[in-house]
C-alpha atoms as a PDB file:
ATOM      1  CA  UNK A   1       5.179 -13.554  22.245  1.00  0.00           C
ATOM      2  CA  UNK A   2       7.973 -14.400  19.840  1.00  0.00           C
ATOM      3  CA  UNK A   3       7.833 -14.410  16.075  1.00  0.00           C
ATOM      4  CA  UNK A   4       9.662 -15.797  13.080  1.00  0.00           C
ATOM      5  CA  UNK A   5      10.032 -14.085   9.688  1.00  0.00           C
ATOM      6  CA  UNK A   6      10.354 -16.049   6.458  1.00  0.00           C
ATOM      7  CA  UNK A   7      11.092 -14.131   3.247  1.00  0.00           C
ATOM      8  CA  UNK A   8      10.693 -15.695  -0.193  1.00  0.00           C
ATOM      9  CA  UNK A   9      13.883 -14.476  -1.892  1.00  0.00           C
ATOM     10  CA  UNK A  10      12.680 -15.557  -5.319  1.00  0.00           C
ATOM     11  CA  UNK A  11       9.801 -13.053  -5.492  1.00  0.00           C
ATOM     12  CA  UNK A  12      11.140 -10.182  -3.374  1.00  0.00           C
ATOM     13  CA  UNK A  13      11.911  -7.017  -5.394  1.00  0.00           C
ATOM     14  CA  UNK A  14      13.942  -5.420  -2.599  1.00  0.00           C
ATOM     15  CA  UNK A  15      11.645  -2.398  -2.257  1.00  0.00           C
ATOM     16  CA  UNK A  16      12.628  -1.927   1.399  1.00  0.00           C
ATOM     17  CA  UNK A  17       9.127  -1.323   2.794  1.00  0.00           C
ATOM     18  CA  UNK A  18       9.570  -4.201   5.247  1.00  0.00           C
ATOM     19  CA  UNK A  19      12.847  -2.722   6.480  1.00  0.00           C
ATOM     20  CA  UNK A  20      11.129   0.549   7.322  1.00  0.00           C
ATOM     21  CA  UNK A  21       8.168  -1.245   8.936  1.00  0.00           C
ATOM     22  CA  UNK A  22      10.231  -3.508  11.232  1.00  0.00           C
ATOM     23  CA  UNK A  23      10.437  -1.747  14.586  1.00  0.00           C
ATOM     24  CA  UNK A  24      13.025  -4.253  15.822  1.00  0.00           C
ATOM     25  CA  UNK A  25      15.301  -3.581  12.799  1.00  0.00           C
ATOM     26  CA  UNK A  26      15.575  -7.296  11.971  1.00  0.00           C
ATOM     27  CA  UNK A  27      15.414  -7.009   8.172  1.00  0.00           C
ATOM     28  CA  UNK A  28      18.013  -5.744   5.712  1.00  0.00           C
ATOM     29  CA  UNK A  29      18.706  -6.061   1.997  1.00  0.00           C
ATOM     30  CA  UNK A  30      20.832  -9.016   0.993  1.00  0.00           C
ATOM     31  CA  UNK A  31      24.052  -8.200  -0.856  1.00  0.00           C
ATOM     32  CA  UNK A  32      23.433 -11.052  -3.288  1.00  0.00           C
ATOM     33  CA  UNK A  33      20.979 -11.100  -6.163  1.00  0.00           C
ATOM     34  CA  UNK A  34      17.893 -13.257  -6.589  1.00  0.00           C
ATOM     35  CA  UNK A  35      16.737 -14.832  -9.879  1.00  0.00           C
ATOM     36  CA  UNK A  36      14.999 -11.571 -10.843  1.00  0.00           C
ATOM     37  CA  UNK A  37      18.203  -9.564 -10.455  1.00  0.00           C
ATOM     38  CA  UNK A  38      17.115  -7.771  -7.274  1.00  0.00           C
ATOM     39  CA  UNK A  39      18.722  -7.575  -3.842  1.00  0.00           C
ATOM     40  CA  UNK A  40      16.020  -9.303  -1.787  1.00  0.00           C
ATOM     41  CA  UNK A  41      15.214  -8.602   1.832  1.00  0.00           C
ATOM     42  CA  UNK A  42      16.781 -10.905   4.401  1.00  0.00           C
ATOM     43  CA  UNK A  43      15.719 -11.443   8.001  1.00  0.00           C
ATOM     44  CA  UNK A  44      18.249 -11.833  10.782  1.00  0.00           C
ATOM     45  CA  UNK A  45      17.889 -14.900  12.939  1.00  0.00           C
ATOM     46  CA  UNK A  46      17.016 -13.216  16.193  1.00  0.00           C
ATOM     47  CA  UNK A  47      14.866 -13.717  19.249  1.00  0.00           C
ATOM     48  CA  UNK A  48      13.817 -10.061  19.089  1.00  0.00           C
ATOM     49  CA  UNK A  49      10.958 -10.557  16.600  1.00  0.00           C
ATOM     50  CA  UNK A  50       7.633 -10.057  18.367  1.00  0.00           C
ATOM     51  CA  UNK A  51       5.551 -11.406  15.475  1.00  0.00           C
ATOM     52  CA  UNK A  52       3.722  -8.123  14.870  1.00  0.00           C
ATOM     53  CA  UNK A  53       3.463  -8.850  11.136  1.00  0.00           C
ATOM     54  CA  UNK A  54       3.957  -5.263   9.962  1.00  0.00           C
ATOM     55  CA  UNK A  55       6.635  -6.380   7.513  1.00  0.00           C
ATOM     56  CA  UNK A  56       4.233  -8.839   5.882  1.00  0.00           C
ATOM     57  CA  UNK A  57       1.416  -6.288   5.774  1.00  0.00           C
ATOM     58  CA  UNK A  58       3.444  -3.691   3.853  1.00  0.00           C
ATOM     59  CA  UNK A  59       5.055  -6.177   1.419  1.00  0.00           C
ATOM     60  CA  UNK A  60       3.593  -5.490  -2.050  1.00  0.00           C
ATOM     61  CA  UNK A  61       4.893  -8.832  -3.358  1.00  0.00           C
ATOM     62  CA  UNK A  62       3.436 -10.974  -0.558  1.00  0.00           C
ATOM     63  CA  UNK A  63       6.947 -12.367  -0.079  1.00  0.00           C
ATOM     64  CA  UNK A  64       6.931 -12.381   3.738  1.00  0.00           C
ATOM     65  CA  UNK A  65       5.327 -14.787   6.185  1.00  0.00           C
ATOM     66  CA  UNK A  66       5.328 -14.170   9.907  1.00  0.00           C
ATOM     67  CA  UNK A  67       4.730 -16.937  12.403  1.00  0.00           C
ATOM     68  CA  UNK A  68       3.982 -16.382  16.078  1.00  0.00           C
ATOM     69  CA  UNK A  69       5.348 -18.766  18.645  1.00  0.00           C
ATOM     70  CA  UNK A  70       3.624 -18.890  22.024  1.00  0.00           C
END
């Protein structure tokens, strides 16, 4: 099963919990700033996401959505 990660840059504080939770290492901190002055998380466009949802589960800001594609 494949997955897709969508991160809402506007509310992400850049805490990094999602980066640690992603077993496929598909998330990193963006070098740019968001409107809150934080470096938000950014997901790589990759076919390696399995849609496990761990990144969304650990996100304290509820800034991540994970979609599974059959």
